C-alpha atoms as a PDB file:
ATOM      1  CA  MET A   1       8.098  22.514 -10.789  1.00  0.00           C
ATOM      2  CA  PHE A   2       7.729  19.151 -12.552  1.00  0.00           C
ATOM      3  CA  ILE A   3       4.134  18.199 -13.362  1.00  0.00           C
ATOM      4  CA  LYS A   4       3.092  14.772 -14.613  1.00  0.00           C
ATOM      5  CA  PHE A   5       1.776  14.914 -18.166  1.00  0.00           C
ATOM      6  CA  GLU A   6      -1.531  13.263 -17.253  1.00  0.00           C
ATOM      7  CA  ASN A   7      -2.000  15.701 -14.350  1.00  0.00           C
ATOM      8  CA  LEU A   8      -1.333  18.592 -16.708  1.00  0.00           C
ATOM      9  CA  LEU A   9      -3.985  17.249 -19.102  1.00  0.00           C
ATOM     10  CA  ASP A  10      -6.419  16.910 -16.193  1.00  0.00           C
ATOM     11  CA  TRP A  11      -5.780  20.544 -15.325  1.00  0.00           C
ATOM     12  CA  ILE A  12      -6.128  21.726 -18.910  1.00  0.00           C
ATOM     13  CA  TYR A  13      -9.312  19.815 -19.604  1.00  0.00           C
ATOM     14  CA  LYS A  14     -10.657  20.159 -16.063  1.00  0.00           C
ATOM     15  CA  LYS A  15     -11.606  16.551 -15.366  1.00  0.00           C
ATOM     16  CA  LYS A  16     -14.996  16.555 -13.636  1.00  0.00           C
ATOM     17  CA  CYS A  17     -16.117  14.498 -10.678  1.00  0.00           C
ATOM     18  CA  TYR A  18     -18.246  11.640 -12.055  1.00  0.00           C
ATOM     19  CA  PHE A  19     -20.643  12.100  -9.146  1.00  0.00           C
ATOM     20  CA  CYS A  20     -21.232  15.800  -8.542  1.00  0.00           C
ATOM     21  CA  LYS A  21     -19.745  17.120 -11.827  1.00  0.00           C
ATOM     22  CA  SER A  22     -17.479  19.557  -9.991  1.00  0.00           C
ATOM     23  CA  SER A  23     -14.167  20.332 -11.727  1.00  0.00           C
ATOM     24  CA  LYS A  24     -12.665  22.041  -8.672  1.00  0.00           C
ATOM     25  CA  GLU A  25     -10.292  19.158  -7.842  1.00  0.00           C
ATOM     26  CA  ALA A  26      -9.932  17.914 -11.460  1.00  0.00           C
ATOM     27  CA  VAL A  27     -10.386  14.285 -10.356  1.00  0.00           C
ATOM     28  CA  LYS A  28     -12.821  11.490 -11.195  1.00  0.00           C
ATOM     29  CA  MET A  29     -14.161  11.403  -7.629  1.00  0.00           C
ATOM     30  CA  CYS A  30     -13.807  14.437  -5.425  1.00  0.00           C
ATOM     31  CA  ALA A  31     -13.067  14.198  -1.706  1.00  0.00           C
ATOM     32  CA  LYS A  32     -16.593  15.265  -0.749  1.00  0.00           C
ATOM     33  CA  CYS A  33     -18.245  12.542  -2.843  1.00  0.00           C
ATOM     34  CA  TYR A  34     -15.766   9.930  -1.617  1.00  0.00           C
ATOM     35  CA  GLU A  35     -16.476  10.802   2.006  1.00  0.00           C
ATOM     36  CA  GLN A  36     -20.197  10.296   1.407  1.00  0.00           C
ATOM     37  CA  MET A  37     -19.608   6.551   1.007  1.00  0.00           C
ATOM     38  CA  ASP A  38     -20.344   4.853   4.314  1.00  0.00           C
ATOM     39  CA  PHE A  39     -18.528   1.845   5.710  1.00  0.00           C
ATOM     40  CA  LEU A  40     -20.315  -1.081   7.277  1.00  0.00           C
ATOM     41  CA  PRO A  41     -19.228  -2.108  10.797  1.00  0.00           C
ATOM     42  CA  VAL A  42     -15.954  -4.022  10.770  1.00  0.00           C
ATOM     43  CA  LYS A  43     -17.170  -7.547  11.389  1.00  0.00           C
ATOM     44  CA  ILE A  44     -17.842 -10.847   9.620  1.00  0.00           C
ATOM     45  CA  ASN A  45     -20.775 -10.372   7.264  1.00  0.00           C
ATOM     46  CA  ARG A  46     -21.443 -14.084   6.909  1.00  0.00           C
ATOM     47  CA  VAL A  47     -19.702 -17.468   6.851  1.00  0.00           C
ATOM     48  CA  ILE A  48     -19.884 -19.684   3.771  1.00  0.00           C
ATOM     49  CA  ASP A  49     -18.517 -23.214   3.819  1.00  0.00           C
ATOM     50  CA  GLY A  50     -16.483 -22.313   6.890  1.00  0.00           C
ATOM     51  CA  LYS A  51     -14.908 -19.237   5.273  1.00  0.00           C
ATOM     52  CA  LYS A  52     -15.346 -15.667   6.486  1.00  0.00           C
ATOM     53  CA  ILE A  53     -17.013 -13.121   4.205  1.00  0.00           C
ATOM     54  CA  TYR A  54     -16.482  -9.388   4.759  1.00  0.00           C
ATOM     55  CA  CYS A  55     -18.349  -6.540   3.034  1.00  0.00           C
ATOM     56  CA  ALA A  56     -17.037  -2.988   3.180  1.00  0.00           C
ATOM     57  CA  GLY A  57     -20.183  -0.986   2.410  1.00  0.00           C
ATOM     58  CA  VAL A  58     -23.793  -0.983   1.216  1.00  0.00           C
ATOM     59  CA  TYR A  59     -24.618  -1.087  -2.494  1.00  0.00           C
ATOM     60  CA  SER A  60     -26.397   2.272  -2.674  1.00  0.00           C
ATOM     61  CA  LYS A  61     -25.885   5.942  -3.525  1.00  0.00           C
ATOM     62  CA  ASN A  62     -22.315   6.826  -4.535  1.00  0.00           C
ATOM     63  CA  LEU A  63     -21.014   3.286  -4.022  1.00  0.00           C
ATOM     64  CA  GLN A  64     -23.639   1.938  -6.384  1.00  0.00           C
ATOM     65  CA  LYS A  65     -22.906   4.616  -8.971  1.00  0.00           C
ATOM     66  CA  LEU A  66     -19.170   3.988  -8.639  1.00  0.00           C
ATOM     67  CA  ILE A  67     -19.523   0.254  -9.284  1.00  0.00           C
ATOM     68  CA  ARG A  68     -21.968   0.692 -12.173  1.00  0.00           C
ATOM     69  CA  GLY A  69     -19.763   3.329 -13.791  1.00  0.00           C
ATOM     70  CA  LEU A  70     -16.679   1.143 -13.461  1.00  0.00           C
ATOM     71  CA  LYS A  71     -18.410  -2.064 -14.519  1.00  0.00           C
ATOM     72  CA  TYR A  72     -20.697  -0.962 -17.337  1.00  0.00           C
ATOM     73  CA  HIS A  73     -19.708   2.524 -18.505  1.00  0.00           C
ATOM     74  CA  ASN A  74     -15.952   2.233 -19.086  1.00  0.00           C
ATOM     75  CA  GLN A  75     -15.085   4.525 -16.166  1.00  0.00           C
ATOM     76  CA  ARG A  76     -11.849   2.691 -15.447  1.00  0.00           C
ATOM     77  CA  ASP A  77     -10.380   5.500 -13.345  1.00  0.00           C
ATOM     78  CA  LEU A  78     -12.986   4.664 -10.706  1.00  0.00           C
ATOM     79  CA  ALA A  79     -11.150   1.403  -9.912  1.00  0.00           C
ATOM     80  CA  TYR A  80      -8.730   3.357  -7.733  1.00  0.00           C
ATOM     81  CA  TYR A  81     -11.512   4.787  -5.550  1.00  0.00           C
ATOM     82  CA  LEU A  82     -13.215   1.429  -5.040  1.00  0.00           C
ATOM     83  CA  ALA A  83      -9.858  -0.149  -4.180  1.00  0.00           C
ATOM     84  CA  LYS A  84      -9.099   2.670  -1.758  1.00  0.00           C
ATOM     85  CA  PHE A  85     -12.486   2.200  -0.064  1.00  0.00           C
ATOM     86  CA  MET A  86     -11.888  -1.540   0.258  1.00  0.00           C
ATOM     87  CA  ALA A  87      -8.318  -1.043   1.493  1.00  0.00           C
ATOM     88  CA  GLU A  88      -9.421   1.395   4.191  1.00  0.00           C
ATOM     89  CA  TYR A  89     -11.946  -1.111   5.490  1.00  0.00           C
ATOM     90  CA  PHE A  90      -9.555  -4.047   5.218  1.00  0.00           C
ATOM     91  CA  SER A  91      -6.804  -2.231   7.130  1.00  0.00           C
ATOM     92  CA  LYS A  92      -9.091  -2.317  10.178  1.00  0.00           C
ATOM     93  CA  LEU A  93      -9.326  -6.104   9.941  1.00  0.00           C
ATOM     94  CA  THR A  94      -5.648  -6.945   9.694  1.00  0.00           C
ATOM     95  CA  ASP A  95      -2.233  -5.438   9.033  1.00  0.00           C
ATOM     96  CA  LYS A  96      -1.071  -8.650   7.348  1.00  0.00           C
ATOM     97  CA  ASN A  97       0.367  -8.119   3.882  1.00  0.00           C
ATOM     98  CA  ILE A  98       0.830 -11.722   2.855  1.00  0.00           C
ATOM     99  CA  PHE A  99      -2.291 -12.346   0.787  1.00  0.00           C
ATOM    100  CA  GLU A 100      -2.566 -13.287  -2.838  1.00  0.00           C
ATOM    101  CA  VAL A 101      -5.493 -11.252  -4.045  1.00  0.00           C
ATOM    102  CA  VAL A 102      -7.729 -13.111  -6.500  1.00  0.00           C
ATOM    103  CA  PRO A 103     -10.430 -11.051  -8.251  1.00  0.00           C
ATOM    104  CA  VAL A 104     -13.569 -12.877  -9.371  1.00  0.00           C
ATOM    105  CA  PRO A 105     -12.930 -13.687 -13.052  1.00  0.00           C
ATOM    106  CA  ILE A 106     -15.395 -13.113 -15.872  1.00  0.00           C
ATOM    107  CA  PHE A 107     -15.909 -15.332 -18.911  1.00  0.00           C
ATOM    108  CA  PRO A 108     -13.313 -14.591 -21.642  1.00  0.00           C
ATOM    109  CA  LYS A 109     -15.931 -13.733 -24.282  1.00  0.00           C
ATOM    110  CA  ARG A 110     -17.533 -11.220 -21.937  1.00  0.00           C
ATOM    111  CA  GLU A 111     -14.169  -9.751 -20.975  1.00  0.00           C
ATOM    112  CA  LYS A 112     -13.238  -9.393 -24.640  1.00  0.00           C
ATOM    113  CA  LYS A 113     -16.504  -7.563 -25.339  1.00  0.00           C
ATOM    114  CA  ARG A 114     -16.083  -5.266 -22.324  1.00  0.00           C
ATOM    115  CA  LYS A 115     -12.322  -4.981 -22.996  1.00  0.00           C
ATOM    116  CA  TYR A 116     -11.464  -5.386 -19.306  1.00  0.00           C
ATOM    117  CA  ASN A 117     -12.411  -7.125 -16.056  1.00  0.00           C
ATOM    118  CA  HIS A 118     -13.256  -4.316 -13.643  1.00  0.00           C
ATOM    119  CA  MET A 119     -12.281  -6.400 -10.610  1.00  0.00           C
ATOM    120  CA  ASN A 120      -8.808  -7.012 -12.063  1.00  0.00           C
ATOM    121  CA  LEU A 121      -8.395  -3.230 -12.204  1.00  0.00           C
ATOM    122  CA  VAL A 122      -9.602  -2.932  -8.605  1.00  0.00           C
ATOM    123  CA  GLY A 123      -7.264  -5.769  -7.609  1.00  0.00           C
ATOM    124  CA  GLU A 124      -4.262  -4.001  -9.132  1.00  0.00           C
ATOM    125  CA  GLU A 125      -5.018  -0.809  -7.213  1.00  0.00           C
ATOM    126  CA  PHE A 126      -5.839  -2.696  -4.000  1.00  0.00           C
ATOM    127  CA  CYS A 127      -2.513  -4.543  -4.120  1.00  0.00           C
ATOM    128  CA  ARG A 128      -0.617  -1.340  -4.844  1.00  0.00           C
ATOM    129  CA  ILE A 129      -2.215   0.335  -1.814  1.00  0.00           C
ATOM    130  CA  THR A 130      -1.876  -2.633   0.552  1.00  0.00           C
ATOM    131  CA  SER A 131       1.409  -4.126  -0.745  1.00  0.00           C
ATOM    132  CA  ASN A 132      -0.221  -7.478  -1.436  1.00  0.00           C
ATOM    133  CA  THR A 133       0.232  -9.716  -4.475  1.00  0.00           C
ATOM    134  CA  LEU A 134      -2.295  -9.911  -7.319  1.00  0.00           C
ATOM    135  CA  ASN A 135      -3.006 -13.354  -8.753  1.00  0.00           C
ATOM    136  CA  THR A 136      -5.290 -13.392 -11.809  1.00  0.00           C
ATOM    137  CA  SER A 137      -4.086 -16.807 -12.979  1.00  0.00           C
ATOM    138  CA  LEU A 138      -5.222 -19.028 -10.107  1.00  0.00           C
ATOM    139  CA  ILE A 139      -8.902 -19.212 -11.073  1.00  0.00           C
ATOM    140  CA  ARG A 140     -10.548 -18.831 -14.450  1.00  0.00           C
ATOM    141  CA  ARG A 141     -14.187 -18.774 -15.456  1.00  0.00           C
ATOM    142  CA  VAL A 142     -15.024 -21.644 -17.814  1.00  0.00           C
ATOM    143  CA  LYS A 143     -18.801 -21.180 -18.003  1.00  0.00           C
ATOM    144  CA  ASP A 144     -20.625 -18.202 -19.499  1.00  0.00           C
ATOM    145  CA  THR A 145     -23.140 -17.677 -16.698  1.00  0.00           C
ATOM    146  CA  LYS A 146     -26.261 -15.533 -16.744  1.00  0.00           C
ATOM    147  CA  PRO A 147     -26.249 -12.219 -14.818  1.00  0.00           C
ATOM    148  CA  GLN A 148     -26.755 -13.129 -11.158  1.00  0.00           C
ATOM    149  CA  TYR A 149     -28.943 -10.164 -10.176  1.00  0.00           C
ATOM    150  CA  LYS A 150     -31.867 -11.596 -12.177  1.00  0.00           C
ATOM    151  CA  LEU A 151     -31.829 -14.931 -10.353  1.00  0.00           C
ATOM    152  CA  LYS A 152     -33.133 -16.313  -7.075  1.00  0.00           C
ATOM    153  CA  ARG A 153     -30.873 -18.133  -4.608  1.00  0.00           C
ATOM    154  CA  GLN A 154     -31.257 -21.660  -6.012  1.00  0.00           C
ATOM    155  CA  GLU A 155     -31.065 -20.374  -9.580  1.00  0.00           C
ATOM    156  CA  ARG A 156     -27.809 -18.600  -8.713  1.00  0.00           C
ATOM    157  CA  VAL A 157     -26.319 -21.810  -7.311  1.00  0.00           C
ATOM    158  CA  LYS A 158     -27.299 -23.782 -10.430  1.00  0.00           C
ATOM    159  CA  ASN A 159     -26.099 -20.992 -12.712  1.00  0.00           C
ATOM    160  CA  LEU A 160     -22.639 -20.992 -11.094  1.00  0.00           C
ATOM    161  CA  SER A 161     -22.240 -24.754 -10.812  1.00  0.00           C
ATOM    162  CA  ASP A 162     -18.876 -25.755 -12.355  1.00  0.00           C
ATOM    163  CA  ALA A 163     -18.331 -22.168 -13.528  1.00  0.00           C
ATOM    164  CA  PHE A 164     -14.732 -21.941 -12.252  1.00  0.00           C
ATOM    165  CA  GLU A 165     -11.532 -23.880 -12.768  1.00  0.00           C
ATOM    166  CA  VAL A 166      -8.400 -23.678 -10.589  1.00  0.00           C
ATOM    167  CA  ASP A 167      -4.854 -23.959 -11.899  1.00  0.00           C
ATOM    168  CA  LYS A 168      -2.954 -24.963  -8.769  1.00  0.00           C
ATOM    169  CA  THR A 169       0.398 -24.479 -10.514  1.00  0.00           C
ATOM    170  CA  ASN A 170      -0.259 -20.748 -10.130  1.00  0.00           C
ATOM    171  CA  TYR A 171      -0.787 -20.963  -6.341  1.00  0.00           C
ATOM    172  CA  THR A 172       2.035 -19.436  -4.287  1.00  0.00           C
ATOM    173  CA  GLY A 173       0.930 -20.791  -0.902  1.00  0.00           C
ATOM    174  CA  LYS A 174      -0.248 -17.501   0.585  1.00  0.00           C
ATOM    175  CA  THR A 175      -3.694 -16.889   2.061  1.00  0.00           C
ATOM    176  CA  VAL A 176      -6.121 -16.414  -0.835  1.00  0.00           C
ATOM    177  CA  LEU A 177      -8.168 -13.225  -0.618  1.00  0.00           C
ATOM    178  CA  LEU A 178     -11.081 -13.490  -3.054  1.00  0.00           C
ATOM    179  CA  ILE A 179     -12.469 -10.059  -3.980  1.00  0.00           C
ATOM    180  CA  ASP A 180     -15.685  -9.043  -5.732  1.00  0.00           C
ATOM    181  CA  ASP A 181     -17.785  -5.910  -6.126  1.00  0.00           C
ATOM    182  CA  ILE A 182     -21.097  -7.151  -4.663  1.00  0.00           C
ATOM    183  CA  CYS A 183     -21.978 -10.041  -2.368  1.00  0.00           C
ATOM    184  CA  THR A 184     -25.730 -10.729  -2.423  1.00  0.00           C
ATOM    185  CA  THR A 185     -26.347 -14.387  -1.542  1.00  0.00           C
ATOM    186  CA  GLY A 186     -22.660 -15.299  -1.580  1.00  0.00           C
ATOM    187  CA  SER A 187     -23.145 -17.958  -4.267  1.00  0.00           C
ATOM    188  CA  THR A 188     -20.197 -16.721  -6.373  1.00  0.00           C
ATOM    189  CA  PHE A 189     -17.819 -16.919  -3.417  1.00  0.00           C
ATOM    190  CA  GLU A 190     -19.349 -20.267  -2.449  1.00  0.00           C
ATOM    191  CA  GLU A 191     -18.607 -21.835  -5.836  1.00  0.00           C
ATOM    192  CA  MET A 192     -15.072 -20.427  -5.899  1.00  0.00           C
ATOM    193  CA  ILE A 193     -14.407 -21.715  -2.381  1.00  0.00           C
ATOM    194  CA  ARG A 194     -15.672 -25.148  -3.396  1.00  0.00           C
ATOM    195  CA  GLU A 195     -13.379 -25.264  -6.433  1.00  0.00           C
ATOM    196  CA  LEU A 196     -10.360 -24.077  -4.433  1.00  0.00           C
ATOM    197  CA  LYS A 197     -10.979 -26.708  -1.756  1.00  0.00           C
ATOM    198  CA  ARG A 198     -11.352 -29.344  -4.461  1.00  0.00           C
ATOM    199  CA  ASN A 199      -7.792 -28.479  -5.423  1.00  0.00           C
ATOM    200  CA  GLY A 200      -6.458 -28.641  -1.881  1.00  0.00           C
ATOM    201  CA  ILE A 201      -6.471 -24.883  -1.213  1.00  0.00           C
ATOM    202  CA  ASP A 202      -8.224 -24.159   2.069  1.00  0.00           C
ATOM    203  CA  ASP A 203      -6.668 -20.922   3.391  1.00  0.00           C
ATOM    204  CA  ILE A 204      -9.289 -18.507   2.038  1.00  0.00           C
ATOM    205  CA  ILE A 205     -10.917 -15.189   2.989  1.00  0.00           C
ATOM    206  CA  CYS A 206     -13.637 -13.490   0.915  1.00  0.00           C
ATOM    207  CA  PHE A 207     -14.039  -9.741   0.639  1.00  0.00           C
ATOM    208  CA  ALA A 208     -16.691  -7.789  -1.280  1.00  0.00           C
ATOM    209  CA  ALA A 209     -16.804  -4.028  -1.756  1.00  0.00           C
ATOM    210  CA  THR A 210     -20.548  -3.982  -1.093  1.00  0.00           C
ATOM    211  CA  THR A 211     -23.664  -5.890  -0.149  1.00  0.00           C
ATOM    212  CA  PRO A 212     -27.279  -4.875  -0.892  1.00  0.00           C
ATOM    213  CA  PHE A 213     -28.206  -5.517   2.718  1.00  0.00           C
ATOM    214  CA  GLU A 214     -27.410  -2.979   5.418  1.00  0.00           C
ATOM    215  CA  GLU A 215     -26.323  -4.771   8.558  1.00  0.00           C
END
């Protein structure tokens, strides 16, 4: 029987679940830990500048640990599980597969230091699962903003002002699906929506993996 080399290595070295440390399944997130992540009701979480915002789950427990591991601790394999969680939620909203998925970009200096943008990794997996198109060239971050979690609402808005720049030559005409890991006040989506509209792009939906607020 043919076995993929990476799967053979996983079996040999008994990859442990990042959450419960079990090596029974030899995966980064076992089925039991994945199933402990709860979905929010399938509905609009909020509307910003006329655009619908959806959030798949609450930023707590395993979902919080997943995002922090992926974002700050180089646990890149976790991108698949976050994308799968988002895709399962999104499949209940629509069966359309004509989106161009645009992950929230990070400032180049920060991406160079971290060596990756975690939402680009999630976007790749999300598009593979849902058969959508990834577009990481439509929007770039041109301002090195402060971490948002430390700021109040008005500070967040000021911090993100003119933080993004759109290159319309990279727009294919499909519905833009902006994706991010956490939506707190929605200020990141709000600024991206504003910049897209400024460039004549109005067909936009926003989708976050989590929100700190349980609905």
